[in-house]
N, C-alpha and C. Protein backbone atom coordinates (compact mmCIF):
# COMPACT_ATOMS: atom_id res chain seq x y z
N UNK A 1 -18.85 2.11 -1.53
CA UNK A 1 -17.52 2.47 -1.76
C UNK A 1 -16.87 3.28 -0.38
N UNK A 2 -17.58 4.55 0.00
CA UNK A 2 -17.18 5.50 1.10
C UNK A 2 -17.28 4.54 2.68
N UNK A 3 -17.78 3.22 2.37
CA UNK A 3 -17.80 2.57 3.89
C UNK A 3 -16.36 1.83 3.51
N UNK A 4 -15.95 1.05 2.03
CA UNK A 4 -14.54 0.64 2.06
C UNK A 4 -13.62 1.47 2.44
N UNK A 5 -13.48 3.02 2.15
CA UNK A 5 -12.38 3.81 2.61
C UNK A 5 -12.77 3.99 3.91
N UNK A 6 -13.51 4.35 4.76
CA UNK A 6 -13.61 4.45 5.80
C UNK A 6 -12.79 2.76 6.56
N UNK A 7 -13.26 1.75 6.50
CA UNK A 7 -12.57 0.85 6.92
C UNK A 7 -10.86 0.80 6.57
N UNK A 8 -10.63 1.25 5.34
CA UNK A 8 -8.95 1.30 5.17
C UNK A 8 -8.63 2.29 6.69
N UNK A 9 -9.40 3.37 6.43
CA UNK A 9 -9.03 4.08 7.41
C UNK A 9 -8.70 3.66 8.69
N UNK A 10 -9.80 2.80 9.37
CA UNK A 10 -9.96 2.42 10.96
C UNK A 10 -8.62 1.21 10.90
N UNK A 11 -8.59 0.36 9.90
CA UNK A 11 -7.77 -0.40 9.69
C UNK A 11 -6.39 -0.19 9.79
N UNK A 12 -5.90 0.87 8.99
CA UNK A 12 -4.59 1.34 8.79
C UNK A 12 -4.24 2.24 10.57
N UNK A 13 -5.51 2.66 11.00
CA UNK A 13 -5.06 3.20 12.24
C UNK A 13 -4.61 2.00 13.27
N UNK A 14 -5.41 1.15 13.40
CA UNK A 14 -5.22 -0.46 13.95
C UNK A 14 -3.81 -0.69 13.75
N UNK A 15 -3.49 -0.66 12.44
CA UNK A 15 -2.10 -1.21 12.50
C UNK A 15 -1.11 -0.15 12.95
N UNK A 16 -1.26 0.94 13.08
CA UNK A 16 -0.17 1.79 13.65
C UNK A 16 -0.29 1.80 15.03
N UNK A 17 -1.31 1.37 15.64
CA UNK A 17 -1.21 1.25 16.70
C UNK A 17 -0.36 -0.03 17.36
N UNK A 18 -0.28 -1.19 16.36
CA UNK A 18 0.17 -2.25 16.76
C UNK A 18 1.69 -1.82 16.39
N UNK A 19 1.99 -0.87 15.43
CA UNK A 19 3.27 -0.36 15.17
C UNK A 19 4.20 0.03 16.48
N UNK A 20 3.25 0.82 17.23
CA UNK A 20 3.53 1.51 18.55
C UNK A 20 3.66 2.92 17.92
N UNK A 21 2.84 3.44 16.67
CA UNK A 21 3.28 4.81 16.31
C UNK A 21 2.23 5.81 17.33
N UNK A 22 3.30 7.01 17.42
CA UNK A 22 2.76 7.73 18.46
C UNK A 22 1.42 8.61 18.15
N UNK A 23 0.74 8.87 19.08
CA UNK A 23 -0.78 9.20 18.75
C UNK A 23 -0.97 10.27 18.19
N UNK A 24 -0.12 11.57 18.06
CA UNK A 24 -0.37 12.58 16.91
C UNK A 24 -0.31 12.45 15.79
N UNK A 25 0.61 10.83 15.52
CA UNK A 25 0.49 10.37 14.19
C UNK A 25 -0.25 9.73 13.30
N UNK A 26 -1.50 9.30 14.39
CA UNK A 26 -2.38 8.40 13.77
C UNK A 26 -3.19 8.45 13.07
N UNK A 27 -4.02 9.57 13.17
CA UNK A 27 -4.93 10.20 12.08
C UNK A 27 -4.54 10.70 10.76
N UNK A 28 -3.14 10.94 10.85
CA UNK A 28 -2.29 10.70 9.44
C UNK A 28 -2.17 9.32 8.86
N UNK A 29 -1.83 8.74 9.36
CA UNK A 29 -1.55 7.21 9.00
C UNK A 29 -2.91 7.11 8.56
N UNK A 30 -3.84 6.94 9.22
CA UNK A 30 -4.96 6.47 8.52
C UNK A 30 -5.64 7.25 7.40
N UNK A 31 -5.05 8.49 7.29
CA UNK A 31 -5.34 9.37 6.11
C UNK A 31 -4.80 8.86 5.05
N UNK A 32 -3.54 8.70 5.30
CA UNK A 32 -2.94 8.13 3.91
C UNK A 32 -3.24 6.82 3.64
N UNK A 33 -3.66 5.90 4.43
CA UNK A 33 -4.18 4.35 3.84
C UNK A 33 -5.68 4.72 3.41
N UNK A 34 -6.14 5.48 4.03
CA UNK A 34 -7.67 5.83 2.81
C UNK A 34 -7.67 6.17 2.07
N UNK A 35 -6.55 7.33 1.78
CA UNK A 35 -6.42 8.19 0.34
C UNK A 35 -5.56 7.05 -0.89
N UNK A 36 -4.76 6.22 -0.20
CA UNK A 36 -4.32 5.34 -1.45
C UNK A 36 -5.28 4.18 -1.36
N UNK A 37 -6.35 3.63 -0.58
CA UNK A 37 -7.51 3.12 -0.72
C UNK A 37 -8.00 3.46 -2.00
N UNK A 38 -8.76 4.83 -1.85
CA UNK A 38 -9.54 5.36 -2.51
C UNK A 38 -8.61 5.46 -4.14
N UNK A 39 -7.62 5.52 -4.00
CA UNK A 39 -6.94 5.72 -5.32
C UNK A 39 -7.18 4.79 -6.14
N UNK A 40 -6.92 3.35 -5.40
CA UNK A 40 -6.74 2.01 -5.90
C UNK A 40 -8.50 1.44 -6.26
N UNK A 41 -9.41 2.33 -5.35
CA UNK A 41 -10.85 1.82 -5.85
C UNK A 41 -11.13 2.63 -7.11
N UNK A 42 -10.62 3.86 -7.11
CA UNK A 42 -10.80 4.53 -8.38
C UNK A 42 -10.49 4.04 -9.73
N UNK A 43 -9.09 3.99 -9.39
CA UNK A 43 -8.64 2.68 -10.63
C UNK A 43 -9.17 1.63 -10.99
N UNK A 44 -9.86 0.92 -10.26
CA UNK A 44 -10.96 -0.13 -10.48
C UNK A 44 -11.81 -0.04 -11.07
N UNK A 45 -12.36 1.17 -10.47
CA UNK A 45 -13.56 1.83 -11.52
C UNK A 45 -13.55 1.97 -12.66
N UNK A 46 -12.33 3.09 -12.91
CA UNK A 46 -11.99 3.13 -14.11
C UNK A 46 -11.43 2.17 -15.34
N UNK A 47 -11.29 1.03 -14.63
CA UNK A 47 -11.01 -0.16 -15.29
C UNK A 47 -9.26 -0.54 -15.79
N UNK A 48 -8.93 0.02 -14.90
CA UNK A 48 -7.56 -0.77 -14.65
C UNK A 48 -7.04 -1.94 -14.03
N UNK A 49 -5.97 -2.29 -14.15
CA UNK A 49 -5.85 -3.80 -13.95
C UNK A 49 -5.61 -3.65 -12.12
N UNK A 50 -5.59 -4.79 -11.61
CA UNK A 50 -5.35 -4.52 -10.26
C UNK A 50 -3.64 -4.31 -9.98
N UNK A 51 -2.91 -4.72 -10.81
CA UNK A 51 -1.83 -3.99 -10.94
C UNK A 51 -1.41 -2.92 -10.88
N UNK A 52 -2.08 -2.09 -12.07
CA UNK A 52 -1.93 -0.77 -12.25
C UNK A 52 -2.12 0.31 -11.32
N UNK A 53 -3.50 -0.30 -10.49
CA UNK A 53 -4.08 0.51 -9.71
C UNK A 53 -3.56 0.17 -8.23
N UNK A 54 -2.79 -0.60 -8.14
CA UNK A 54 -2.11 -0.97 -6.95
C UNK A 54 -0.73 0.15 -6.94
N UNK A 55 -0.12 -0.28 -8.11
CA UNK A 55 0.81 0.49 -8.29
C UNK A 55 0.92 2.22 -7.75
N UNK A 56 -0.48 2.49 -9.05
CA UNK A 56 -0.66 4.20 -8.91
C UNK A 56 -1.19 4.16 -7.31
N UNK A 57 -1.95 3.92 -6.86
CA UNK A 57 -2.00 3.78 -5.11
C UNK A 57 -0.62 3.82 -3.90
N UNK A 58 0.28 3.36 -4.59
CA UNK A 58 1.36 2.96 -3.87
C UNK A 58 2.13 4.22 -4.23
N UNK A 59 2.30 4.63 -5.67
CA UNK A 59 3.08 6.00 -5.62
C UNK A 59 2.90 6.89 -4.92
N UNK A 60 1.43 7.23 -4.70
CA UNK A 60 1.04 8.34 -4.05
C UNK A 60 0.83 8.04 -2.69
N UNK A 61 0.95 6.90 -2.05
CA UNK A 61 0.91 6.61 -0.69
C UNK A 61 2.63 6.75 -0.60
N UNK A 62 3.37 6.26 -1.07
CA UNK A 62 4.85 7.08 -0.95
C UNK A 62 5.35 7.99 -0.64
N UNK A 63 4.62 8.79 -1.94
CA UNK A 63 4.76 10.28 -2.11
C UNK A 63 4.38 11.13 -0.72
N UNK A 64 3.22 10.68 -0.51
CA UNK A 64 2.35 11.48 1.02
C UNK A 64 3.19 11.02 2.04
N UNK A 65 3.53 9.99 2.26
CA UNK A 65 4.77 9.52 3.29
C UNK A 65 5.77 10.16 3.53
N UNK A 66 6.71 10.10 2.31
CA UNK A 66 7.75 11.06 1.89
C UNK A 66 7.43 12.78 2.38
N UNK A 67 6.29 13.14 1.98
CA UNK A 67 6.29 14.93 2.13
C UNK A 67 5.74 15.04 3.70
N UNK A 68 5.12 13.81 4.44
CA UNK A 68 4.68 14.40 5.73
C UNK A 68 6.10 14.16 6.65
N UNK A 69 6.60 12.94 6.46
CA UNK A 69 7.67 12.65 7.25
C UNK A 69 8.59 13.69 7.16
N UNK A 70 8.59 14.66 6.00
CA UNK A 70 9.32 15.86 6.29
C UNK A 70 8.99 16.71 6.99
N UNK A 71 7.32 16.93 6.62
CA UNK A 71 6.99 17.92 7.09
C UNK A 71 7.08 18.01 8.80
N UNK A 72 6.73 16.71 9.21
CA UNK A 72 6.39 16.40 10.57
C UNK A 72 7.42 15.82 11.51
N UNK A 73 8.94 15.71 10.66
CA UNK A 73 10.42 15.11 10.95
C UNK A 73 10.22 14.11 11.98
N UNK A 74 9.47 13.44 11.02
CA UNK A 74 9.30 11.61 11.50
C UNK A 74 9.56 10.87 10.42
N UNK A 75 10.53 9.62 10.93
CA UNK A 75 10.87 8.64 10.01
C UNK A 75 9.51 8.23 8.81
N UNK A 76 10.06 8.17 7.74
CA UNK A 76 9.25 7.59 6.73
C UNK A 76 8.72 6.19 6.75
N UNK A 77 9.23 5.78 7.44
CA UNK A 77 8.61 4.72 7.68
C UNK A 77 7.32 4.39 8.75
N UNK A 78 7.20 5.25 9.50
CA UNK A 78 5.82 5.39 10.20
C UNK A 78 4.47 5.65 9.23
N UNK A 79 4.94 6.32 8.65
CA UNK A 79 3.41 6.31 7.51
C UNK A 79 3.48 5.67 6.06
N UNK A 80 4.70 5.35 5.68
CA UNK A 80 4.89 4.27 4.40
C UNK A 80 4.17 2.86 5.44
N UNK A 81 4.35 1.98 5.88
CA UNK A 81 4.74 0.70 6.29
C UNK A 81 2.99 1.09 7.00
N UNK A 82 2.60 1.62 7.31
CA UNK A 82 1.13 1.52 7.94
C UNK A 82 0.07 2.00 6.79
N UNK A 83 0.53 2.68 5.89
CA UNK A 83 -0.06 3.51 4.56
C UNK A 83 -0.47 2.34 3.58
N UNK A 84 0.43 1.58 3.68
CA UNK A 84 0.38 0.54 2.43
C UNK A 84 -0.39 -0.64 2.94
N UNK A 85 -0.67 -0.73 3.92
CA UNK A 85 -1.53 -1.77 4.65
C UNK A 85 -2.99 -2.15 3.88
N UNK A 86 -3.71 -1.29 3.67
CA UNK A 86 -4.64 -1.70 2.59
C UNK A 86 -4.70 -2.28 1.14
N UNK A 87 -3.10 -2.28 0.27
CA UNK A 87 -2.71 -2.41 -0.35
C UNK A 87 -1.96 -3.64 -0.86
N UNK A 88 -2.14 -3.84 0.48
CA UNK A 88 -1.43 -5.51 0.54
C UNK A 88 -2.27 -6.74 0.18
N UNK A 89 -1.52 -7.56 -0.99
CA UNK A 89 -2.27 -8.43 -1.44
C UNK A 89 -2.62 -9.79 -0.55
N UNK A 90 -3.54 -9.57 -0.06
CA UNK A 90 -4.09 -10.49 1.22
C UNK A 90 -4.92 -11.62 0.40
N UNK A 91 -6.17 -11.03 -0.24
CA UNK A 91 -6.94 -12.24 -0.39
C UNK A 91 -6.42 -13.21 -1.58
N UNK A 92 -5.61 -12.90 -2.29
CA UNK A 92 -4.68 -13.36 -3.35
C UNK A 92 -3.83 -14.40 -2.53
N UNK A 93 -3.32 -14.01 -1.62
CA UNK A 93 -2.53 -14.78 -0.96
C UNK A 93 -2.97 -16.06 -0.14
N UNK A 94 -4.38 -15.59 0.56
CA UNK A 94 -5.20 -16.58 0.89
C UNK A 94 -6.00 -17.49 -0.19
N UNK A 95 -6.11 -16.93 -1.23
CA UNK A 95 -6.65 -18.30 -1.86
C UNK A 95 -5.71 -19.17 -2.96
N UNK A 96 -4.06 -18.47 -2.36
CA UNK A 96 -3.33 -19.11 -3.08
C UNK A 96 -3.13 -20.46 -1.97
N UNK A 97 -3.09 -20.38 -0.61
CA UNK A 97 -2.90 -21.34 0.17
C UNK A 97 -4.33 -21.96 0.50
N UNK A 98 -5.39 -21.51 0.02
CA UNK A 98 -6.75 -21.92 0.42
C UNK A 98 -6.64 -23.61 -1.13
N UNK A 99 -6.14 -22.94 -2.13
CA UNK A 99 -5.99 -23.92 -3.27
C UNK A 99 -4.55 -24.65 -3.25
N UNK A 100 -3.80 -24.54 -2.71
CA UNK A 100 -3.07 -25.38 -1.77
C UNK A 100 -3.30 -26.82 -1.27
N UNK A 101 -4.21 -26.10 0.15
CA UNK A 101 -4.89 -27.28 0.91
C UNK A 101 -5.96 -28.09 0.02
N UNK A 102 -6.46 -27.56 -0.82
CA UNK A 102 -7.50 -28.21 -1.94
C UNK A 102 -6.87 -29.27 -2.87
N UNK A 103 -5.45 -29.30 -3.13
CA UNK A 103 -4.45 -29.88 -4.09
C UNK A 103 -4.54 -29.55 -5.69
N UNK A 104 -5.42 -28.30 -5.46
CA UNK A 104 -5.86 -27.54 -6.92
C UNK A 104 -4.46 -27.11 -7.16
N UNK A 105 -3.44 -27.43 -7.76
CA UNK A 105 -2.01 -26.67 -8.04
C UNK A 105 -2.27 -25.56 -8.86
N UNK A 106 -3.13 -25.71 -9.77
CA UNK A 106 -2.93 -24.79 -10.97
C UNK A 106 -4.14 -23.84 -10.62
N UNK A 107 -4.71 -23.85 -9.99
CA UNK A 107 -5.30 -22.30 -9.52
C UNK A 107 -4.34 -21.73 -8.28
N UNK A 108 -3.56 -22.33 -7.63
CA UNK A 108 -2.77 -22.30 -6.49
C UNK A 108 -1.53 -21.09 -7.37
N UNK A 109 -1.19 -21.55 -8.31
CA UNK A 109 -0.11 -21.14 -8.93
C UNK A 109 -0.07 -20.08 -9.57
N UNK A 110 -1.59 -20.11 -9.97
CA UNK A 110 -1.98 -18.02 -10.47
C UNK A 110 -2.65 -17.78 -9.37
N UNK A 111 -3.12 -17.54 -8.43
CA UNK A 111 -3.00 -16.98 -7.42
C UNK A 111 -1.51 -16.32 -6.73
N UNK A 112 -1.06 -17.40 -6.71
CA UNK A 112 0.81 -17.28 -6.29
C UNK A 112 1.23 -16.15 -7.16
N UNK A 113 1.29 -15.98 -8.31
CA UNK A 113 1.90 -15.37 -9.22
C UNK A 113 0.89 -14.03 -9.45
N UNK A 114 -0.08 -13.85 -9.00
CA UNK A 114 -1.02 -12.54 -8.68
C UNK A 114 -0.34 -11.82 -7.49
N UNK A 115 -0.49 -12.65 -6.78
CA UNK A 115 0.05 -11.81 -5.15
C UNK A 115 1.47 -11.71 -5.28
N UNK A 116 2.82 -12.37 -6.62
CA UNK A 116 3.73 -11.54 -6.33
C UNK A 116 3.84 -10.53 -7.55
N UNK A 117 3.04 -10.51 -8.20
CA UNK A 117 2.91 -9.79 -9.31
C UNK A 117 2.54 -8.17 -8.17
N UNK A 118 1.45 -7.84 -7.52
CA UNK A 118 1.21 -7.24 -6.61
C UNK A 118 1.96 -6.57 -5.45
N UNK A 119 2.61 -7.72 -5.09
CA UNK A 119 4.27 -7.35 -3.99
C UNK A 119 5.12 -6.48 -4.91
N UNK A 120 5.17 -7.08 -5.83
CA UNK A 120 6.42 -6.52 -6.85
C UNK A 120 5.88 -5.06 -7.31
N UNK A 121 4.77 -4.72 -7.53
CA UNK A 121 4.29 -3.62 -7.97
C UNK A 121 4.14 -2.60 -6.85
N UNK A 122 3.97 -3.32 -5.45
CA UNK A 122 4.30 -2.24 -4.43
C UNK A 122 5.56 -1.67 -4.35
N UNK A 123 6.50 -2.57 -4.09
CA UNK A 123 7.89 -2.60 -3.86
C UNK A 123 8.48 -1.37 -5.52
N UNK A 124 8.20 -2.06 -6.47
CA UNK A 124 8.49 -0.77 -7.61
C UNK A 124 7.96 0.51 -7.20
N UNK A 125 6.80 1.16 -6.93
CA UNK A 125 6.48 2.08 -6.56
C UNK A 125 6.84 2.65 -5.53
N UNK A 126 7.20 2.34 -4.61
CA UNK A 126 8.12 2.42 -3.50
C UNK A 126 9.60 2.81 -3.85
N UNK A 127 10.27 2.26 -4.59
CA UNK A 127 11.64 2.57 -4.99
C UNK A 127 11.58 3.74 -5.99
N UNK A 128 10.51 3.53 -6.60
CA UNK A 128 10.45 4.90 -7.61
C UNK A 128 10.53 6.42 -7.23
N UNK A 129 9.40 6.11 -6.24
CA UNK A 129 9.53 7.38 -5.26
C UNK A 129 10.90 7.78 -3.96
N UNK A 130 10.88 6.95 -3.84
CA UNK A 130 12.31 7.13 -3.20
C UNK A 130 13.68 7.56 -3.42
N UNK A 131 13.72 6.88 -5.01
CA UNK A 131 14.67 7.32 -6.15
C UNK A 131 14.69 8.87 -6.17
N UNK A 132 13.80 9.48 -6.04
CA UNK A 132 13.46 10.96 -6.94
C UNK A 132 14.26 11.55 -6.16
N UNK A 133 14.26 11.72 -4.92
CA UNK A 133 15.23 13.08 -3.97
C UNK A 133 16.68 12.89 -4.39
N UNK A 134 17.41 11.39 -4.90
CA UNK A 134 18.69 11.19 -5.44
C UNK A 134 18.57 11.79 -6.77
N UNK A 135 17.82 12.18 -7.49
CA UNK A 135 17.81 12.71 -8.63
C UNK A 135 17.78 13.76 -8.53
N UNK A 136 17.19 14.53 -7.96
CA UNK A 136 16.97 16.09 -7.52
C UNK A 136 18.09 16.55 -7.08
N UNK A 137 18.92 15.84 -6.35
CA UNK A 137 19.96 16.20 -5.43
C UNK A 137 21.08 16.89 -6.48
N UNK A 138 21.57 17.96 -5.99
CA UNK A 138 22.37 19.14 -6.26
C UNK A 138 23.66 18.30 -6.28
N UNK A 139 24.33 18.00 -7.53
CA UNK A 139 26.02 17.69 -7.61
C UNK A 139 26.93 18.83 -7.34
N UNK A 140 27.69 18.60 -6.44
CA UNK A 140 28.92 19.31 -6.34
C UNK A 140 29.75 19.37 -6.88
């Protein structure tokens, strides 16, 4: 489990470098990605579904990105995009394409639906966290 979390940390930093993130934010991006992946793994070890584990991990990644962006006076996308990289459904998408190449359309459809569900889970969690500041804003 620790090796997987360390891999998420390193891969998140790698993607942050590709996105031209400033050097002073690389470790923060890596930490957010590693924490998100740890929550995902913890959820799966507790018997949660892939969707629920991804949703909970993305909620935490989004909230951490929002708080750290405010504290470090940086755009939230710097931390958010790098932080969700470990949660992106790459394996189901690969299996979808592989099944399509083998002309196994029922398996391909199953993996495609799972891929879209995970992507929707990630998007939903980001939207929920993005709406919180609007709900708590004082009315004039």
